[in-house]
N, C-alpha and C. Protein backbone atom coordinates (compact mmCIF):
# COMPACT_ATOMS: atom_id res chain seq x y z
N GLY A 1 -1.81 29.73 -11.02
CA GLY A 1 -1.08 28.92 -11.94
C GLY A 1 -1.49 27.46 -11.85
N LYS A 2 -0.48 26.61 -11.85
CA LYS A 2 -0.72 25.17 -11.92
C LYS A 2 -1.40 24.62 -10.67
N THR A 3 -1.05 25.14 -9.50
CA THR A 3 -1.69 24.68 -8.27
C THR A 3 -3.16 25.08 -8.27
N SER A 4 -3.47 26.26 -8.75
CA SER A 4 -4.87 26.70 -8.85
C SER A 4 -5.66 25.80 -9.78
N LEU A 5 -5.04 25.36 -10.85
CA LEU A 5 -5.70 24.45 -11.78
C LEU A 5 -6.08 23.15 -11.08
N LEU A 6 -5.16 22.60 -10.29
CA LEU A 6 -5.47 21.37 -9.57
C LEU A 6 -6.56 21.60 -8.52
N LYS A 7 -6.55 22.76 -7.87
CA LYS A 7 -7.60 23.08 -6.90
C LYS A 7 -8.96 23.16 -7.58
N LEU A 8 -9.01 23.61 -8.82
CA LEU A 8 -10.26 23.61 -9.58
C LEU A 8 -10.73 22.17 -9.81
N PHE A 9 -9.81 21.29 -10.23
CA PHE A 9 -10.16 19.90 -10.48
C PHE A 9 -10.67 19.20 -9.23
N MET A 10 -10.19 19.61 -8.06
CA MET A 10 -10.62 18.99 -6.79
C MET A 10 -11.86 19.66 -6.20
N GLY A 11 -12.31 20.74 -6.80
CA GLY A 11 -13.47 21.44 -6.25
C GLY A 11 -13.14 22.23 -5.00
N ILE A 12 -11.86 22.55 -4.80
CA ILE A 12 -11.45 23.40 -3.69
C ILE A 12 -11.68 24.86 -4.07
N GLU A 13 -11.46 25.16 -5.35
CA GLU A 13 -11.77 26.47 -5.91
C GLU A 13 -12.76 26.24 -7.05
N TYR A 14 -13.44 27.30 -7.45
CA TYR A 14 -14.46 27.20 -8.49
C TYR A 14 -14.12 28.13 -9.64
N PRO A 15 -14.52 27.75 -10.86
CA PRO A 15 -14.26 28.63 -11.99
C PRO A 15 -15.01 29.95 -11.83
N THR A 16 -14.37 31.04 -12.21
CA THR A 16 -15.03 32.35 -12.15
C THR A 16 -15.84 32.61 -13.41
N SER A 17 -15.53 31.88 -14.48
CA SER A 17 -16.33 31.96 -15.70
C SER A 17 -16.20 30.63 -16.42
N GLY A 18 -17.10 30.37 -17.32
CA GLY A 18 -17.08 29.11 -18.05
C GLY A 18 -17.55 27.97 -17.17
N SER A 19 -17.26 26.75 -17.60
CA SER A 19 -17.69 25.59 -16.82
C SER A 19 -16.58 24.55 -16.81
N LEU A 20 -16.62 23.70 -15.81
CA LEU A 20 -15.64 22.64 -15.65
C LEU A 20 -16.36 21.40 -15.14
N THR A 21 -16.10 20.28 -15.78
CA THR A 21 -16.66 19.00 -15.36
C THR A 21 -15.50 18.03 -15.19
N VAL A 22 -15.44 17.38 -14.03
CA VAL A 22 -14.38 16.42 -13.72
C VAL A 22 -15.03 15.08 -13.41
N LEU A 23 -14.67 14.06 -14.18
CA LEU A 23 -15.23 12.72 -14.01
C LEU A 23 -16.76 12.76 -13.96
N GLY A 24 -17.34 13.59 -14.81
CA GLY A 24 -18.79 13.70 -14.90
C GLY A 24 -19.44 14.62 -13.89
N GLN A 25 -18.65 15.19 -12.99
CA GLN A 25 -19.19 16.06 -11.94
C GLN A 25 -18.92 17.53 -12.27
N PRO A 26 -20.00 18.33 -12.40
CA PRO A 26 -19.78 19.77 -12.60
C PRO A 26 -19.12 20.37 -11.36
N ILE A 27 -18.14 21.23 -11.60
CA ILE A 27 -17.45 21.91 -10.50
C ILE A 27 -17.99 23.33 -10.44
N SER A 28 -18.84 23.58 -9.46
CA SER A 28 -19.37 24.93 -9.27
C SER A 28 -19.88 25.05 -7.84
N LYS A 29 -19.99 26.29 -7.38
CA LYS A 29 -20.53 26.52 -6.04
C LYS A 29 -21.93 25.92 -5.98
N GLY A 30 -22.27 25.36 -4.85
CA GLY A 30 -23.59 24.77 -4.68
C GLY A 30 -23.66 23.30 -5.04
N GLN A 31 -22.58 22.73 -5.53
CA GLN A 31 -22.55 21.31 -5.90
C GLN A 31 -21.81 20.49 -4.84
N THR A 32 -21.94 20.87 -3.57
CA THR A 32 -21.09 20.29 -2.53
C THR A 32 -21.22 18.78 -2.39
N SER A 33 -22.43 18.22 -2.44
CA SER A 33 -22.54 16.77 -2.25
C SER A 33 -21.89 16.02 -3.41
N GLY A 34 -22.07 16.50 -4.62
CA GLY A 34 -21.43 15.87 -5.77
C GLY A 34 -19.92 16.02 -5.73
N ILE A 35 -19.46 17.18 -5.30
CA ILE A 35 -18.01 17.41 -5.21
C ILE A 35 -17.40 16.55 -4.12
N ASN A 36 -18.10 16.36 -3.01
CA ASN A 36 -17.60 15.48 -1.95
C ASN A 36 -17.46 14.05 -2.46
N LYS A 37 -18.41 13.58 -3.27
CA LYS A 37 -18.32 12.24 -3.86
C LYS A 37 -17.14 12.17 -4.83
N LEU A 38 -16.97 13.23 -5.61
CA LEU A 38 -15.86 13.29 -6.56
C LEU A 38 -14.52 13.17 -5.83
N ARG A 39 -14.37 13.88 -4.74
CA ARG A 39 -13.09 13.87 -4.01
C ARG A 39 -12.72 12.47 -3.52
N ARG A 40 -13.71 11.61 -3.31
CA ARG A 40 -13.44 10.24 -2.88
C ARG A 40 -12.77 9.43 -3.98
N THR A 41 -12.87 9.91 -5.23
CA THR A 41 -12.30 9.19 -6.37
C THR A 41 -10.99 9.81 -6.85
N ILE A 42 -10.49 10.81 -6.11
CA ILE A 42 -9.26 11.51 -6.49
C ILE A 42 -8.16 11.19 -5.49
N GLY A 43 -6.98 10.96 -6.00
CA GLY A 43 -5.79 10.79 -5.17
C GLY A 43 -4.92 12.02 -5.31
N PRO A 44 -5.01 12.95 -4.37
CA PRO A 44 -4.20 14.17 -4.50
C PRO A 44 -2.79 14.00 -3.95
N VAL A 45 -1.84 14.64 -4.61
CA VAL A 45 -0.47 14.71 -4.12
C VAL A 45 -0.15 16.20 -4.01
N PHE A 46 -0.08 16.69 -2.79
CA PHE A 46 0.14 18.11 -2.54
C PHE A 46 1.62 18.43 -2.43
N GLN A 47 2.00 19.65 -2.83
CA GLN A 47 3.39 20.08 -2.67
C GLN A 47 3.81 20.09 -1.21
N GLN A 48 2.88 20.42 -0.32
CA GLN A 48 3.21 20.53 1.11
C GLN A 48 3.10 19.18 1.83
N PHE A 49 2.80 18.13 1.13
CA PHE A 49 2.73 16.75 1.62
C PHE A 49 1.53 16.48 2.53
N ARG A 50 1.25 17.37 3.48
CA ARG A 50 0.14 17.22 4.43
C ARG A 50 0.19 15.88 5.17
N LEU A 51 1.35 15.58 5.71
CA LEU A 51 1.53 14.37 6.51
C LEU A 51 1.33 14.72 7.98
N ILE A 52 0.99 13.71 8.77
CA ILE A 52 0.72 13.93 10.19
C ILE A 52 1.94 13.52 11.00
N LYS A 53 2.54 14.51 11.66
CA LYS A 53 3.71 14.25 12.50
C LYS A 53 3.30 13.36 13.68
N GLY A 54 4.25 12.58 14.16
CA GLY A 54 3.96 11.66 15.25
C GLY A 54 3.38 10.35 14.75
N ARG A 55 3.22 10.23 13.44
CA ARG A 55 2.71 9.01 12.82
C ARG A 55 3.78 8.45 11.88
N THR A 56 3.72 7.16 11.66
CA THR A 56 4.68 6.52 10.77
C THR A 56 4.28 6.74 9.31
N ALA A 57 5.20 6.39 8.43
CA ALA A 57 4.90 6.46 7.00
C ALA A 57 3.68 5.60 6.69
N LEU A 58 3.65 4.39 7.23
CA LEU A 58 2.52 3.49 6.98
C LEU A 58 1.22 4.08 7.51
N GLU A 59 1.22 4.61 8.70
CA GLU A 59 0.00 5.20 9.28
C GLU A 59 -0.49 6.38 8.45
N ASN A 60 0.41 7.18 7.93
CA ASN A 60 0.01 8.31 7.10
C ASN A 60 -0.65 7.84 5.81
N VAL A 61 -0.15 6.78 5.23
CA VAL A 61 -0.75 6.25 4.01
C VAL A 61 -2.13 5.64 4.32
N MET A 62 -2.21 4.91 5.42
CA MET A 62 -3.45 4.23 5.79
C MET A 62 -4.57 5.21 6.17
N LEU A 63 -4.20 6.30 6.80
CA LEU A 63 -5.19 7.21 7.35
C LEU A 63 -6.21 7.69 6.33
N GLY A 64 -5.75 8.08 5.16
CA GLY A 64 -6.67 8.57 4.14
C GLY A 64 -7.65 7.53 3.63
N MET A 65 -7.33 6.27 3.79
CA MET A 65 -8.19 5.19 3.30
C MET A 65 -9.27 4.80 4.30
N ARG A 66 -9.09 5.17 5.56
CA ARG A 66 -10.04 4.77 6.60
C ARG A 66 -11.44 5.32 6.34
N PHE A 67 -11.53 6.41 5.59
CA PHE A 67 -12.81 7.05 5.36
C PHE A 67 -13.41 6.67 4.01
N LEU A 68 -12.77 5.72 3.35
CA LEU A 68 -13.27 5.24 2.07
C LEU A 68 -13.79 3.82 2.26
N ASP A 69 -14.19 3.19 1.18
CA ASP A 69 -14.81 1.87 1.27
C ASP A 69 -13.79 0.73 1.19
N PHE A 70 -12.81 0.76 2.07
CA PHE A 70 -11.80 -0.30 2.13
C PHE A 70 -11.90 -0.98 3.49
N ASN A 71 -11.74 -2.33 3.50
CA ASN A 71 -11.69 -3.01 4.79
C ASN A 71 -10.26 -2.95 5.33
N LYS A 72 -10.08 -3.38 6.57
CA LYS A 72 -8.77 -3.25 7.23
C LYS A 72 -7.66 -3.97 6.48
N ASP A 73 -7.96 -5.16 5.96
CA ASP A 73 -6.94 -5.91 5.22
C ASP A 73 -6.53 -5.19 3.94
N GLU A 74 -7.51 -4.64 3.22
CA GLU A 74 -7.20 -3.89 2.00
C GLU A 74 -6.38 -2.64 2.31
N ILE A 75 -6.73 -1.97 3.39
CA ILE A 75 -5.99 -0.77 3.78
C ILE A 75 -4.53 -1.12 4.04
N MET A 76 -4.29 -2.17 4.79
CA MET A 76 -2.92 -2.58 5.11
C MET A 76 -2.18 -3.03 3.84
N GLU A 77 -2.82 -3.87 3.05
CA GLU A 77 -2.19 -4.40 1.84
C GLU A 77 -1.87 -3.28 0.83
N ASN A 78 -2.85 -2.43 0.55
CA ASN A 78 -2.64 -1.34 -0.41
C ASN A 78 -1.58 -0.36 0.09
N SER A 79 -1.59 -0.08 1.38
CA SER A 79 -0.63 0.88 1.94
C SER A 79 0.80 0.35 1.85
N LYS A 80 1.00 -0.89 2.23
CA LYS A 80 2.35 -1.47 2.16
C LYS A 80 2.82 -1.57 0.70
N ALA A 81 1.92 -1.99 -0.19
CA ALA A 81 2.29 -2.11 -1.61
C ALA A 81 2.65 -0.74 -2.20
N SER A 82 1.91 0.28 -1.82
CA SER A 82 2.18 1.62 -2.34
C SER A 82 3.52 2.15 -1.84
N LEU A 83 3.82 1.92 -0.57
CA LEU A 83 5.12 2.34 -0.04
C LEU A 83 6.25 1.58 -0.74
N LYS A 84 6.04 0.31 -1.03
CA LYS A 84 7.04 -0.45 -1.77
C LYS A 84 7.22 0.11 -3.18
N ASN A 85 6.10 0.46 -3.83
CA ASN A 85 6.16 0.99 -5.19
C ASN A 85 6.95 2.30 -5.30
N VAL A 86 6.96 3.07 -4.22
CA VAL A 86 7.72 4.33 -4.24
C VAL A 86 9.10 4.17 -3.60
N GLY A 87 9.48 2.92 -3.29
CA GLY A 87 10.82 2.65 -2.78
C GLY A 87 11.00 2.91 -1.30
N LEU A 88 9.93 2.82 -0.52
CA LEU A 88 10.03 3.10 0.91
C LEU A 88 9.65 1.91 1.80
N GLU A 89 9.79 0.70 1.28
CA GLU A 89 9.42 -0.46 2.09
C GLU A 89 10.24 -0.55 3.37
N ASP A 90 11.44 0.01 3.36
CA ASP A 90 12.29 -0.02 4.56
C ASP A 90 11.98 1.14 5.53
N LYS A 91 11.04 2.00 5.18
CA LYS A 91 10.70 3.16 6.03
C LYS A 91 9.28 3.08 6.57
N ILE A 92 8.64 1.94 6.43
CA ILE A 92 7.24 1.77 6.84
C ILE A 92 7.02 2.20 8.29
N SER A 93 7.93 1.84 9.17
CA SER A 93 7.76 2.13 10.60
C SER A 93 8.41 3.44 11.04
N SER A 94 8.97 4.18 10.11
CA SER A 94 9.63 5.44 10.46
C SER A 94 8.62 6.56 10.65
N LEU A 95 8.82 7.35 11.70
CA LEU A 95 7.99 8.54 11.89
C LEU A 95 8.31 9.52 10.76
N VAL A 96 7.28 10.19 10.26
CA VAL A 96 7.51 11.07 9.10
C VAL A 96 8.45 12.22 9.41
N GLU A 97 8.49 12.67 10.66
CA GLU A 97 9.42 13.77 10.99
C GLU A 97 10.88 13.33 10.94
N ASN A 98 11.12 12.01 10.89
CA ASN A 98 12.49 11.50 10.78
C ASN A 98 12.88 11.19 9.33
N LEU A 99 11.99 11.47 8.40
CA LEU A 99 12.25 11.21 6.99
C LEU A 99 12.78 12.47 6.31
N SER A 100 13.51 12.27 5.23
CA SER A 100 13.96 13.41 4.42
C SER A 100 12.76 14.00 3.67
N TRP A 101 12.95 15.19 3.10
CA TRP A 101 11.87 15.81 2.32
C TRP A 101 11.47 14.91 1.15
N GLY A 102 12.46 14.33 0.49
CA GLY A 102 12.17 13.45 -0.64
C GLY A 102 11.38 12.22 -0.21
N GLU A 103 11.74 11.66 0.95
CA GLU A 103 10.99 10.50 1.47
C GLU A 103 9.57 10.91 1.84
N CYS A 104 9.41 12.08 2.44
CA CYS A 104 8.06 12.56 2.77
C CYS A 104 7.23 12.74 1.50
N GLN A 105 7.86 13.24 0.45
CA GLN A 105 7.14 13.41 -0.81
C GLN A 105 6.68 12.05 -1.33
N ARG A 106 7.53 11.04 -1.21
CA ARG A 106 7.15 9.71 -1.68
C ARG A 106 6.06 9.09 -0.80
N VAL A 107 6.03 9.39 0.50
CA VAL A 107 4.93 8.94 1.36
C VAL A 107 3.62 9.57 0.87
N ALA A 108 3.65 10.85 0.53
CA ALA A 108 2.45 11.52 0.03
C ALA A 108 1.98 10.89 -1.28
N ILE A 109 2.91 10.51 -2.13
CA ILE A 109 2.55 9.85 -3.39
C ILE A 109 1.97 8.47 -3.10
N ALA A 110 2.57 7.73 -2.17
CA ALA A 110 2.06 6.41 -1.79
C ALA A 110 0.64 6.53 -1.24
N ARG A 111 0.38 7.57 -0.46
CA ARG A 111 -0.97 7.79 0.09
C ARG A 111 -1.99 7.94 -1.04
N ALA A 112 -1.64 8.67 -2.07
CA ALA A 112 -2.55 8.84 -3.21
C ALA A 112 -2.74 7.53 -3.97
N LEU A 113 -1.67 6.79 -4.17
CA LEU A 113 -1.73 5.53 -4.92
C LEU A 113 -2.54 4.47 -4.20
N ALA A 114 -2.41 4.40 -2.88
CA ALA A 114 -3.06 3.35 -2.09
C ALA A 114 -4.57 3.38 -2.23
N ARG A 115 -5.12 4.54 -2.49
CA ARG A 115 -6.58 4.70 -2.62
C ARG A 115 -7.13 4.09 -3.89
N LYS A 116 -6.23 3.79 -4.85
CA LYS A 116 -6.61 3.28 -6.17
C LYS A 116 -7.67 4.20 -6.81
N PRO A 117 -7.34 5.48 -6.92
CA PRO A 117 -8.31 6.45 -7.41
C PRO A 117 -8.49 6.40 -8.93
N ALA A 118 -9.59 6.98 -9.39
CA ALA A 118 -9.82 7.12 -10.83
C ALA A 118 -8.94 8.23 -11.40
N LEU A 119 -8.59 9.20 -10.55
CA LEU A 119 -7.83 10.37 -10.98
C LEU A 119 -6.77 10.71 -9.94
N ILE A 120 -5.54 10.86 -10.38
CA ILE A 120 -4.48 11.34 -9.49
C ILE A 120 -4.11 12.74 -9.95
N LEU A 121 -4.10 13.67 -9.00
CA LEU A 121 -3.68 15.04 -9.25
C LEU A 121 -2.39 15.27 -8.48
N ALA A 122 -1.30 15.39 -9.19
CA ALA A 122 0.01 15.48 -8.56
C ALA A 122 0.65 16.84 -8.83
N ASP A 123 0.82 17.61 -7.76
CA ASP A 123 1.39 18.95 -7.85
C ASP A 123 2.89 18.88 -7.55
N GLU A 124 3.70 19.01 -8.59
CA GLU A 124 5.17 18.93 -8.46
C GLU A 124 5.61 17.68 -7.68
N PRO A 125 5.21 16.49 -8.13
CA PRO A 125 5.51 15.28 -7.36
C PRO A 125 6.99 14.92 -7.29
N THR A 126 7.82 15.58 -8.08
CA THR A 126 9.25 15.26 -8.06
C THR A 126 10.10 16.41 -7.54
N GLY A 127 9.48 17.44 -7.02
CA GLY A 127 10.18 18.65 -6.61
C GLY A 127 11.27 18.45 -5.58
N ASN A 128 11.15 17.45 -4.72
CA ASN A 128 12.14 17.22 -3.66
C ASN A 128 12.92 15.92 -3.86
N LEU A 129 12.84 15.37 -5.06
CA LEU A 129 13.47 14.07 -5.31
C LEU A 129 14.75 14.22 -6.12
N ASP A 130 15.69 13.30 -5.86
CA ASP A 130 16.87 13.23 -6.72
C ASP A 130 16.43 12.70 -8.08
N ARG A 131 17.31 12.81 -9.05
CA ARG A 131 16.94 12.46 -10.42
C ARG A 131 16.45 11.02 -10.55
N ASP A 132 17.14 10.06 -9.93
CA ASP A 132 16.74 8.65 -10.05
C ASP A 132 15.35 8.41 -9.48
N ASN A 133 15.07 8.96 -8.29
CA ASN A 133 13.74 8.79 -7.71
C ASN A 133 12.69 9.56 -8.50
N ALA A 134 13.05 10.71 -9.04
CA ALA A 134 12.10 11.48 -9.86
C ALA A 134 11.69 10.68 -11.09
N VAL A 135 12.66 10.09 -11.76
CA VAL A 135 12.36 9.27 -12.94
C VAL A 135 11.50 8.07 -12.53
N ARG A 136 11.83 7.44 -11.42
CA ARG A 136 11.06 6.28 -10.93
C ARG A 136 9.61 6.67 -10.67
N ILE A 137 9.40 7.79 -9.98
CA ILE A 137 8.05 8.22 -9.63
C ILE A 137 7.26 8.62 -10.88
N LEU A 138 7.88 9.35 -11.78
CA LEU A 138 7.18 9.74 -13.01
C LEU A 138 6.83 8.52 -13.84
N HIS A 139 7.72 7.54 -13.90
CA HIS A 139 7.43 6.30 -14.62
C HIS A 139 6.24 5.58 -13.96
N LEU A 140 6.25 5.53 -12.64
CA LEU A 140 5.15 4.90 -11.89
C LEU A 140 3.83 5.61 -12.18
N LEU A 141 3.83 6.94 -12.09
CA LEU A 141 2.60 7.70 -12.30
C LEU A 141 2.10 7.60 -13.74
N THR A 142 2.99 7.75 -14.70
CA THR A 142 2.53 7.69 -16.09
C THR A 142 2.11 6.28 -16.49
N GLY A 143 2.61 5.27 -15.79
CA GLY A 143 2.20 3.90 -16.06
C GLY A 143 0.81 3.56 -15.55
N LEU A 144 0.24 4.43 -14.74
CA LEU A 144 -1.08 4.15 -14.17
C LEU A 144 -2.19 4.17 -15.20
N LYS A 145 -1.96 4.79 -16.35
CA LYS A 145 -3.01 4.81 -17.37
C LYS A 145 -3.33 3.39 -17.84
N ASP A 146 -2.36 2.48 -17.73
CA ASP A 146 -2.62 1.08 -18.07
C ASP A 146 -3.61 0.44 -17.11
N LYS A 147 -3.77 1.06 -15.93
CA LYS A 147 -4.73 0.57 -14.94
C LYS A 147 -6.00 1.43 -14.95
N LYS A 148 -6.19 2.17 -16.04
CA LYS A 148 -7.39 3.01 -16.23
C LYS A 148 -7.46 4.15 -15.22
N THR A 149 -6.31 4.64 -14.79
CA THR A 149 -6.26 5.80 -13.90
C THR A 149 -5.76 6.99 -14.70
N THR A 150 -6.48 8.09 -14.61
CA THR A 150 -6.03 9.33 -15.25
C THR A 150 -5.09 10.03 -14.28
N VAL A 151 -3.98 10.51 -14.80
CA VAL A 151 -2.99 11.19 -13.97
C VAL A 151 -2.72 12.57 -14.57
N ILE A 152 -2.89 13.59 -13.74
CA ILE A 152 -2.56 14.95 -14.14
C ILE A 152 -1.40 15.39 -13.26
N ILE A 153 -0.30 15.71 -13.90
CA ILE A 153 0.92 16.10 -13.19
C ILE A 153 1.24 17.55 -13.56
N THR A 154 1.42 18.38 -12.56
CA THR A 154 1.95 19.72 -12.83
C THR A 154 3.42 19.70 -12.43
N THR A 155 4.26 20.17 -13.32
CA THR A 155 5.69 20.10 -13.05
C THR A 155 6.47 21.10 -13.90
N HIS A 156 7.60 21.50 -13.37
CA HIS A 156 8.56 22.26 -14.16
C HIS A 156 9.57 21.30 -14.80
N ALA A 157 9.57 20.05 -14.35
CA ALA A 157 10.56 19.06 -14.81
C ALA A 157 10.04 18.29 -16.02
N THR A 158 9.56 18.99 -17.03
CA THR A 158 9.01 18.32 -18.21
C THR A 158 10.06 17.49 -18.94
N HIS A 159 11.33 17.83 -18.77
CA HIS A 159 12.40 17.07 -19.41
C HIS A 159 12.48 15.63 -18.89
N LEU A 160 11.90 15.37 -17.72
CA LEU A 160 11.92 14.02 -17.16
C LEU A 160 10.74 13.17 -17.62
N ILE A 161 9.75 13.82 -18.21
CA ILE A 161 8.56 13.09 -18.65
C ILE A 161 8.81 12.54 -20.03
N ASP A 162 8.73 11.23 -20.12
CA ASP A 162 8.90 10.62 -21.44
C ASP A 162 7.50 10.24 -21.90
N GLY A 163 6.97 11.02 -22.82
CA GLY A 163 5.60 10.84 -23.29
C GLY A 163 5.41 9.50 -23.97
N LYS A 164 4.29 8.88 -23.65
CA LYS A 164 3.94 7.61 -24.26
C LYS A 164 2.65 7.81 -25.03
N LYS A 165 2.29 6.84 -25.82
CA LYS A 165 1.07 6.94 -26.61
C LYS A 165 -0.12 7.26 -25.70
N GLY A 166 -0.85 8.27 -26.07
CA GLY A 166 -2.02 8.67 -25.29
C GLY A 166 -1.75 9.76 -24.29
N ASP A 167 -0.47 10.12 -24.10
CA ASP A 167 -0.13 11.19 -23.17
C ASP A 167 -0.32 12.54 -23.84
N MET A 168 -0.72 13.51 -23.05
CA MET A 168 -0.83 14.88 -23.55
C MET A 168 0.01 15.77 -22.66
N LEU A 169 0.78 16.62 -23.27
CA LEU A 169 1.59 17.59 -22.55
C LEU A 169 1.07 18.97 -22.91
N ILE A 170 0.68 19.73 -21.90
CA ILE A 170 0.16 21.08 -22.11
C ILE A 170 1.08 22.04 -21.39
N HIS A 171 1.56 23.03 -22.10
CA HIS A 171 2.44 24.03 -21.51
C HIS A 171 1.63 25.30 -21.26
N ILE A 172 1.59 25.73 -20.01
CA ILE A 172 0.86 26.94 -19.64
C ILE A 172 1.87 27.98 -19.18
N ASP A 173 1.75 29.18 -19.72
CA ASP A 173 2.63 30.28 -19.33
C ASP A 173 1.78 31.52 -19.08
N LYS A 174 1.89 32.06 -17.89
CA LYS A 174 1.13 33.26 -17.49
C LYS A 174 -0.37 33.09 -17.73
N GLY A 175 -0.88 31.90 -17.41
CA GLY A 175 -2.31 31.65 -17.48
C GLY A 175 -2.84 31.28 -18.85
N SER A 176 -1.99 31.19 -19.84
CA SER A 176 -2.44 30.86 -21.19
C SER A 176 -1.76 29.58 -21.68
N ILE A 177 -2.52 28.79 -22.43
CA ILE A 177 -1.95 27.58 -23.02
C ILE A 177 -1.07 28.01 -24.20
N CYS A 178 0.21 27.68 -24.11
CA CYS A 178 1.17 28.05 -25.16
C CYS A 178 1.22 26.99 -26.25
N TYR A 179 1.21 25.72 -25.83
CA TYR A 179 1.17 24.65 -26.82
C TYR A 179 0.69 23.37 -26.16
N GLU A 180 0.23 22.47 -26.99
CA GLU A 180 -0.18 21.14 -26.56
C GLU A 180 0.54 20.14 -27.45
N ARG A 181 0.86 19.02 -26.88
CA ARG A 181 1.47 17.96 -27.67
C ARG A 181 0.85 16.65 -27.24
N LEU A 182 0.32 15.93 -28.20
CA LEU A 182 -0.25 14.61 -27.93
C LEU A 182 0.74 13.59 -28.45
N GLU A 183 1.12 12.67 -27.58
CA GLU A 183 2.08 11.64 -27.98
C GLU A 183 1.36 10.53 -28.72
């Protein structure tokens, strides 16, 4: 379903038929060096969060940037700003195991944002959030197009997405596209 679709976009899985190109990179077996470069331009938000226990919220956000082309000051600045953008400026020093599920989800979103990626792939980014935080996060994510970032969100909470000009909503049911709507 929707998670498999995001795995295709990240080059974790490959199409069994047809072709797929993401940000100019063909996604197929044997394209590993190109796919590795592509992954450096993607900010993934996983349902399982994939945070490192024993580390703070700030350290978890910073960790993913250490392997990219950011200097130490940029890593710190982007990480703190991203945590503030998701409403966790007061949890910067908190160990992730002491955070609620919703706070952990927002740390995972901050980690993706801090990288300043060309593409954000968010798998159910509001699944563990209360309504106010869900609306805040969706507004934040959909607003990234103004910064030339493409955002693909998979969600069951389509009622919370307020489509803006240029947004596309695609409804998939049992592996088939049921309808598309361009705002």
